[in-house]
Structure formats: structure tokens, C-alpha cells
Amino acid sequence: MKAMSKQQLADCAGVSVKTLMGWCKRYRAELERMGLQPKARVLPPNVVRFIAERYCIDVE
């Protein structure tokens, strides 16, 4: 897994960045513990993996 921008991950999911971040609100505390900063544009690899697994997003 590699780091991705929010836009790249949203494109893989076929949704807008706003929708993707709305999906992630329920996991906010867990994502912050994983190192995600609220205003970060680039998502660390572990966060990309977590989101992709939760929402069945094909990032390969």
C-alpha cells in the first residue's frame, strides 16, 4: 500500500472528497490514532489501507 491524496482515494471509490471524508467521520478517533491529521491532503499508507478495507475500495 502507498500513500495517496484524498482526491486519489476518492477517485478510486468513485465519490467526491467531501463524501469520502463524510464516510470517515465515524472513524475519526481511530484515524487520528493512526496518524491522520484533520487537514492532511496526503493519507499515510496505513490510513489508505484502513479506509479501503472498510469501504471495499480497489486502490491497486
PDB file of N, CA and C in Angstrom:
ATOM      1  N   MET A   1       0.852  -1.170   0.000  1.00  0.00           N
ATOM      2  CA  MET A   1       0.000   0.000   0.000  1.00  0.00           C
ATOM      3  C   MET A   1       0.895   1.229   0.000  1.00  0.00           C
ATOM      4  N   LYS A   2       0.454   2.278  -0.700  1.00  0.00           N
ATOM      5  CA  LYS A   2       1.233   3.513  -0.752  1.00  0.00           C
ATOM      6  C   LYS A   2       0.382   4.691  -0.297  1.00  0.00           C
ATOM      7  N   ALA A   3       1.043   5.776   0.038  1.00  0.00           N
ATOM      8  CA  ALA A   3       0.337   6.989   0.426  1.00  0.00           C
ATOM      9  C   ALA A   3      -0.437   7.519  -0.776  1.00  0.00           C
ATOM     10  N   MET A   4      -1.587   8.120  -0.509  1.00  0.00           N
ATOM     11  CA  MET A   4      -2.418   8.684  -1.577  1.00  0.00           C
ATOM     12  C   MET A   4      -3.023   9.995  -1.099  1.00  0.00           C
ATOM     13  N   SER A   5      -3.334  10.859  -2.045  1.00  0.00           N
ATOM     14  CA  SER A   5      -4.062  12.070  -1.676  1.00  0.00           C
ATOM     15  C   SER A   5      -5.524  11.699  -1.452  1.00  0.00           C
ATOM     16  N   LYS A   6      -6.227  12.551  -0.745  1.00  0.00           N
ATOM     17  CA  LYS A   6      -7.656  12.311  -0.532  1.00  0.00           C
ATOM     18  C   LYS A   6      -8.370  12.235  -1.877  1.00  0.00           C
ATOM     19  N   GLN A   7      -7.964  13.091  -2.828  1.00  0.00           N
ATOM     20  CA  GLN A   7      -8.594  13.107  -4.147  1.00  0.00           C
ATOM     21  C   GLN A   7      -8.370  11.787  -4.877  1.00  0.00           C
ATOM     22  N   GLN A   8      -7.167  11.258  -4.813  1.00  0.00           N
ATOM     23  CA  GLN A   8      -6.882   9.984  -5.483  1.00  0.00           C
ATOM     24  C   GLN A   8      -7.733   8.858  -4.904  1.00  0.00           C
ATOM     25  N   LEU A   9      -7.846   8.808  -3.589  1.00  0.00           N
ATOM     26  CA  LEU A   9      -8.634   7.763  -2.955  1.00  0.00           C
ATOM     27  C   LEU A   9     -10.114   7.935  -3.280  1.00  0.00           C
ATOM     28  N   ALA A  10     -10.580   9.168  -3.281  1.00  0.00           N
ATOM     29  CA  ALA A  10     -11.977   9.430  -3.644  1.00  0.00           C
ATOM     30  C   ALA A  10     -12.243   9.012  -5.089  1.00  0.00           C
ATOM     31  N   ASP A  11     -11.301   9.269  -5.985  1.00  0.00           N
ATOM     32  CA  ASP A  11     -11.449   8.861  -7.381  1.00  0.00           C
ATOM     33  C   ASP A  11     -11.540   7.342  -7.499  1.00  0.00           C
ATOM     34  N   CYS A  12     -10.728   6.626  -6.736  1.00  0.00           N
ATOM     35  CA  CYS A  12     -10.780   5.155  -6.743  1.00  0.00           C
ATOM     36  C   CYS A  12     -12.137   4.653  -6.261  1.00  0.00           C
ATOM     37  N   ALA A  13     -12.738   5.388  -5.323  1.00  0.00           N
ATOM     38  CA  ALA A  13     -14.034   4.997  -4.771  1.00  0.00           C
ATOM     39  C   ALA A  13     -15.196   5.469  -5.650  1.00  0.00           C
ATOM     40  N   GLY A  14     -14.909   6.396  -6.565  1.00  0.00           N
ATOM     41  CA  GLY A  14     -15.952   6.925  -7.433  1.00  0.00           C
ATOM     42  C   GLY A  14     -16.858   7.932  -6.740  1.00  0.00           C
ATOM     43  N   VAL A  15     -16.312   8.631  -5.752  1.00  0.00           N
ATOM     44  CA  VAL A  15     -17.077   9.627  -4.997  1.00  0.00           C
ATOM     45  C   VAL A  15     -16.260  10.918  -4.887  1.00  0.00           C
ATOM     46  N   SER A  16     -16.888  11.961  -4.362  1.00  0.00           N
ATOM     47  CA  SER A  16     -16.168  13.214  -4.131  1.00  0.00           C
ATOM     48  C   SER A  16     -15.350  13.111  -2.841  1.00  0.00           C
ATOM     49  N   VAL A  17     -14.410  14.016  -2.689  1.00  0.00           N
ATOM     50  CA  VAL A  17     -13.609  14.058  -1.463  1.00  0.00           C
ATOM     51  C   VAL A  17     -14.525  14.338  -0.272  1.00  0.00           C
ATOM     52  N   LYS A  18     -15.499  15.210  -0.455  1.00  0.00           N
ATOM     53  CA  LYS A  18     -16.434  15.536   0.625  1.00  0.00           C
ATOM     54  C   LYS A  18     -17.180  14.280   1.092  1.00  0.00           C
ATOM     55  N   THR A  19     -17.632  13.459   0.156  1.00  0.00           N
ATOM     56  CA  THR A  19     -18.328  12.215   0.505  1.00  0.00           C
ATOM     57  C   THR A  19     -17.389  11.256   1.218  1.00  0.00           C
ATOM     58  N   LEU A  20     -16.181  11.104   0.701  1.00  0.00           N
ATOM     59  CA  LEU A  20     -15.204  10.213   1.325  1.00  0.00           C
ATOM     60  C   LEU A  20     -14.923  10.630   2.768  1.00  0.00           C
ATOM     61  N   MET A  21     -14.734  11.915   2.987  1.00  0.00           N
ATOM     62  CA  MET A  21     -14.457  12.390   4.340  1.00  0.00           C
ATOM     63  C   MET A  21     -15.694  12.259   5.237  1.00  0.00           C
ATOM     64  N   GLY A  22     -16.872  12.350   4.659  1.00  0.00           N
ATOM     65  CA  GLY A  22     -18.091  12.098   5.424  1.00  0.00           C
ATOM     66  C   GLY A  22     -18.150  10.657   5.898  1.00  0.00           C
ATOM     67  N   TRP A  23     -17.759   9.738   5.026  1.00  0.00           N
ATOM     68  CA  TRP A  23     -17.716   8.322   5.403  1.00  0.00           C
ATOM     69  C   TRP A  23     -16.755   8.110   6.568  1.00  0.00           C
ATOM     70  N   CYS A  24     -15.652   8.852   6.568  1.00  0.00           N
ATOM     71  CA  CYS A  24     -14.594   8.645   7.555  1.00  0.00           C
ATOM     72  C   CYS A  24     -14.888   9.287   8.907  1.00  0.00           C
ATOM     73  N   LYS A  25     -15.907  10.116   8.993  1.00  0.00           N
ATOM     74  CA  LYS A  25     -16.207  10.795  10.266  1.00  0.00           C
ATOM     75  C   LYS A  25     -16.415   9.810  11.405  1.00  0.00           C
ATOM     76  N   ARG A  26     -17.087   8.696  11.132  1.00  0.00           N
ATOM     77  CA  ARG A  26     -17.348   7.729  12.205  1.00  0.00           C
ATOM     78  C   ARG A  26     -16.078   7.089  12.736  1.00  0.00           C
ATOM     79  N   TYR A  27     -14.998   7.134  11.954  1.00  0.00           N
ATOM     80  CA  TYR A  27     -13.722   6.540  12.360  1.00  0.00           C
ATOM     81  C   TYR A  27     -12.689   7.599  12.742  1.00  0.00           C
ATOM     82  N   ARG A  28     -13.118   8.825  12.943  1.00  0.00           N
ATOM     83  CA  ARG A  28     -12.195   9.949  13.167  1.00  0.00           C
ATOM     84  C   ARG A  28     -11.178   9.669  14.277  1.00  0.00           C
ATOM     85  N   ALA A  29     -11.642   9.226  15.434  1.00  0.00           N
ATOM     86  CA  ALA A  29     -10.727   8.988  16.562  1.00  0.00           C
ATOM     87  C   ALA A  29      -9.696   7.920  16.210  1.00  0.00           C
ATOM     88  N   GLU A  30     -10.148   6.854  15.582  1.00  0.00           N
ATOM     89  CA  GLU A  30      -9.228   5.778  15.207  1.00  0.00           C
ATOM     90  C   GLU A  30      -8.228   6.252  14.155  1.00  0.00           C
ATOM     91  N   LEU A  31      -8.680   7.022  13.174  1.00  0.00           N
ATOM     92  CA  LEU A  31      -7.788   7.534  12.137  1.00  0.00           C
ATOM     93  C   LEU A  31      -6.758   8.501  12.718  1.00  0.00           C
ATOM     94  N   GLU A  32      -7.165   9.307  13.678  1.00  0.00           N
ATOM     95  CA  GLU A  32      -6.215  10.213  14.318  1.00  0.00           C
ATOM     96  C   GLU A  32      -5.164   9.442  15.102  1.00  0.00           C
ATOM     97  N   ARG A  33      -5.564   8.347  15.752  1.00  0.00           N
ATOM     98  CA  ARG A  33      -4.587   7.499  16.457  1.00  0.00           C
ATOM     99  C   ARG A  33      -3.613   6.860  15.475  1.00  0.00           C
ATOM    100  N   MET A  34      -4.061   6.659  14.239  1.00  0.00           N
ATOM    101  CA  MET A  34      -3.203   6.063  13.215  1.00  0.00           C
ATOM    102  C   MET A  34      -2.272   7.097  12.589  1.00  0.00           C
ATOM    103  N   GLY A  35      -2.425   8.369  12.953  1.00  0.00           N
ATOM    104  CA  GLY A  35      -1.523   9.407  12.475  1.00  0.00           C
ATOM    105  C   GLY A  35      -2.114  10.365  11.465  1.00  0.00           C
ATOM    106  N   LEU A  36      -3.397  10.281  11.203  1.00  0.00           N
ATOM    107  CA  LEU A  36      -4.014  11.177  10.234  1.00  0.00           C
ATOM    108  C   LEU A  36      -4.302  12.525  10.880  1.00  0.00           C
ATOM    109  N   GLN A  37      -3.784  13.571  10.280  1.00  0.00           N
ATOM    110  CA  GLN A  37      -4.072  14.927  10.719  1.00  0.00           C
ATOM    111  C   GLN A  37      -5.356  15.390  10.034  1.00  0.00           C
ATOM    112  N   PRO A  38      -6.229  16.115  10.714  1.00  0.00           N
ATOM    113  CA  PRO A  38      -7.518  16.505  10.144  1.00  0.00           C
ATOM    114  C   PRO A  38      -7.429  17.245   8.808  1.00  0.00           C
ATOM    115  N   LYS A  39      -6.425  18.072   8.611  1.00  0.00           N
ATOM    116  CA  LYS A  39      -6.324  18.851   7.372  1.00  0.00           C
ATOM    117  C   LYS A  39      -5.303  18.277   6.389  1.00  0.00           C
ATOM    118  N   ALA A  40      -4.838  17.084   6.626  1.00  0.00           N
ATOM    119  CA  ALA A  40      -3.839  16.464   5.753  1.00  0.00           C
ATOM    120  C   ALA A  40      -4.410  16.243   4.361  1.00  0.00           C
ATOM    121  N   ARG A  41      -3.602  16.520   3.353  1.00  0.00           N
ATOM    122  CA  ARG A  41      -4.019  16.265   1.972  1.00  0.00           C
ATOM    123  C   ARG A  41      -3.591  14.873   1.523  1.00  0.00           C
ATOM    124  N   VAL A  42      -2.484  14.403   2.105  1.00  0.00           N
ATOM    125  CA  VAL A  42      -1.973  13.078   1.744  1.00  0.00           C
ATOM    126  C   VAL A  42      -2.239  12.119   2.892  1.00  0.00           C
ATOM    127  N   LEU A  43      -2.797  10.979   2.564  1.00  0.00           N
ATOM    128  CA  LEU A  43      -3.130   9.968   3.560  1.00  0.00           C
ATOM    129  C   LEU A  43      -1.983   8.966   3.666  1.00  0.00           C
ATOM    130  N   PRO A  44      -1.507   8.679   4.871  1.00  0.00           N
ATOM    131  CA  PRO A  44      -0.444   7.685   5.047  1.00  0.00           C
ATOM    132  C   PRO A  44      -0.921   6.303   4.580  1.00  0.00           C
ATOM    133  N   PRO A  45       0.017   5.430   4.215  1.00  0.00           N
ATOM    134  CA  PRO A  45      -0.359   4.095   3.719  1.00  0.00           C
ATOM    135  C   PRO A  45      -1.265   3.308   4.659  1.00  0.00           C
ATOM    136  N   ASN A  46      -1.028   3.371   5.970  1.00  0.00           N
ATOM    137  CA  ASN A  46      -1.868   2.609   6.897  1.00  0.00           C
ATOM    138  C   ASN A  46      -3.298   3.145   6.919  1.00  0.00           C
ATOM    139  N   VAL A  47      -3.470   4.437   6.721  1.00  0.00           N
ATOM    140  CA  VAL A  47      -4.808   5.025   6.671  1.00  0.00           C
ATOM    141  C   VAL A  47      -5.505   4.646   5.362  1.00  0.00           C
ATOM    142  N   VAL A  48      -4.770   4.670   4.261  1.00  0.00           N
ATOM    143  CA  VAL A  48      -5.337   4.259   2.973  1.00  0.00           C
ATOM    144  C   VAL A  48      -5.833   2.818   3.074  1.00  0.00           C
ATOM    145  N   ARG A  49      -5.020   1.942   3.641  1.00  0.00           N
ATOM    146  CA  ARG A  49      -5.404   0.537   3.789  1.00  0.00           C
ATOM    147  C   ARG A  49      -6.673   0.404   4.637  1.00  0.00           C
ATOM    148  N   PHE A  50      -6.711   1.113   5.753  1.00  0.00           N
ATOM    149  CA  PHE A  50      -7.856   1.060   6.662  1.00  0.00           C
ATOM    150  C   PHE A  50      -9.140   1.485   5.950  1.00  0.00           C
ATOM    151  N   ILE A  51      -9.106   2.618   5.266  1.00  0.00           N
ATOM    152  CA  ILE A  51     -10.297   3.125   4.581  1.00  0.00           C
ATOM    153  C   ILE A  51     -10.697   2.201   3.434  1.00  0.00           C
ATOM    154  N   ALA A  52      -9.717   1.742   2.666  1.00  0.00           N
ATOM    155  CA  ALA A  52     -10.006   0.862   1.535  1.00  0.00           C
ATOM    156  C   ALA A  52     -10.639  -0.448   2.001  1.00  0.00           C
ATOM    157  N   GLU A  53     -10.168  -0.986   3.100  1.00  0.00           N
ATOM    158  CA  GLU A  53     -10.752  -2.229   3.623  1.00  0.00           C
ATOM    159  C   GLU A  53     -12.159  -2.004   4.158  1.00  0.00           C
ATOM    160  N   ARG A  54     -12.392  -0.885   4.827  1.00  0.00           N
ATOM    161  CA  ARG A  54     -13.717  -0.610   5.409  1.00  0.00           C
ATOM    162  C   ARG A  54     -14.771  -0.428   4.320  1.00  0.00           C
ATOM    163  N   TYR A  55     -14.380   0.209   3.200  1.00  0.00           N
ATOM    164  CA  TYR A  55     -15.363   0.549   2.174  1.00  0.00           C
ATOM    165  C   TYR A  55     -15.162  -0.216   0.870  1.00  0.00           C
ATOM    166  N   CYS A  56     -14.361  -1.267   0.906  1.00  0.00           N
ATOM    167  CA  CYS A  56     -14.131  -2.131  -0.274  1.00  0.00           C
ATOM    168  C   CYS A  56     -13.728  -1.308  -1.500  1.00  0.00           C
ATOM    169  N   ILE A  57     -12.729  -0.478  -1.323  1.00  0.00           N
ATOM    170  CA  ILE A  57     -12.231   0.360  -2.417  1.00  0.00           C
ATOM    171  C   ILE A  57     -11.009  -0.329  -3.021  1.00  0.00           C
ATOM    172  N   ASP A  58     -11.023  -0.515  -4.321  1.00  0.00           N
ATOM    173  CA  ASP A  58      -9.889  -1.125  -5.026  1.00  0.00           C
ATOM    174  C   ASP A  58      -8.879  -0.033  -5.339  1.00  0.00           C
ATOM    175  N   VAL A  59      -7.754  -0.034  -4.637  1.00  0.00           N
ATOM    176  CA  VAL A  59      -6.737   1.004  -4.817  1.00  0.00           C
ATOM    177  C   VAL A  59      -5.532   0.514  -5.625  1.00  0.00           C
ATOM    178  N   GLU A  60      -5.566  -0.679  -6.093  1.00  0.00           N
ATOM    179  CA  GLU A  60      -4.437  -1.220  -6.857  1.00  0.00           C
ATOM    180  C   GLU A  60      -4.488  -0.813  -8.305  1.00  0.00           C
TER     181      GLU A  60
END
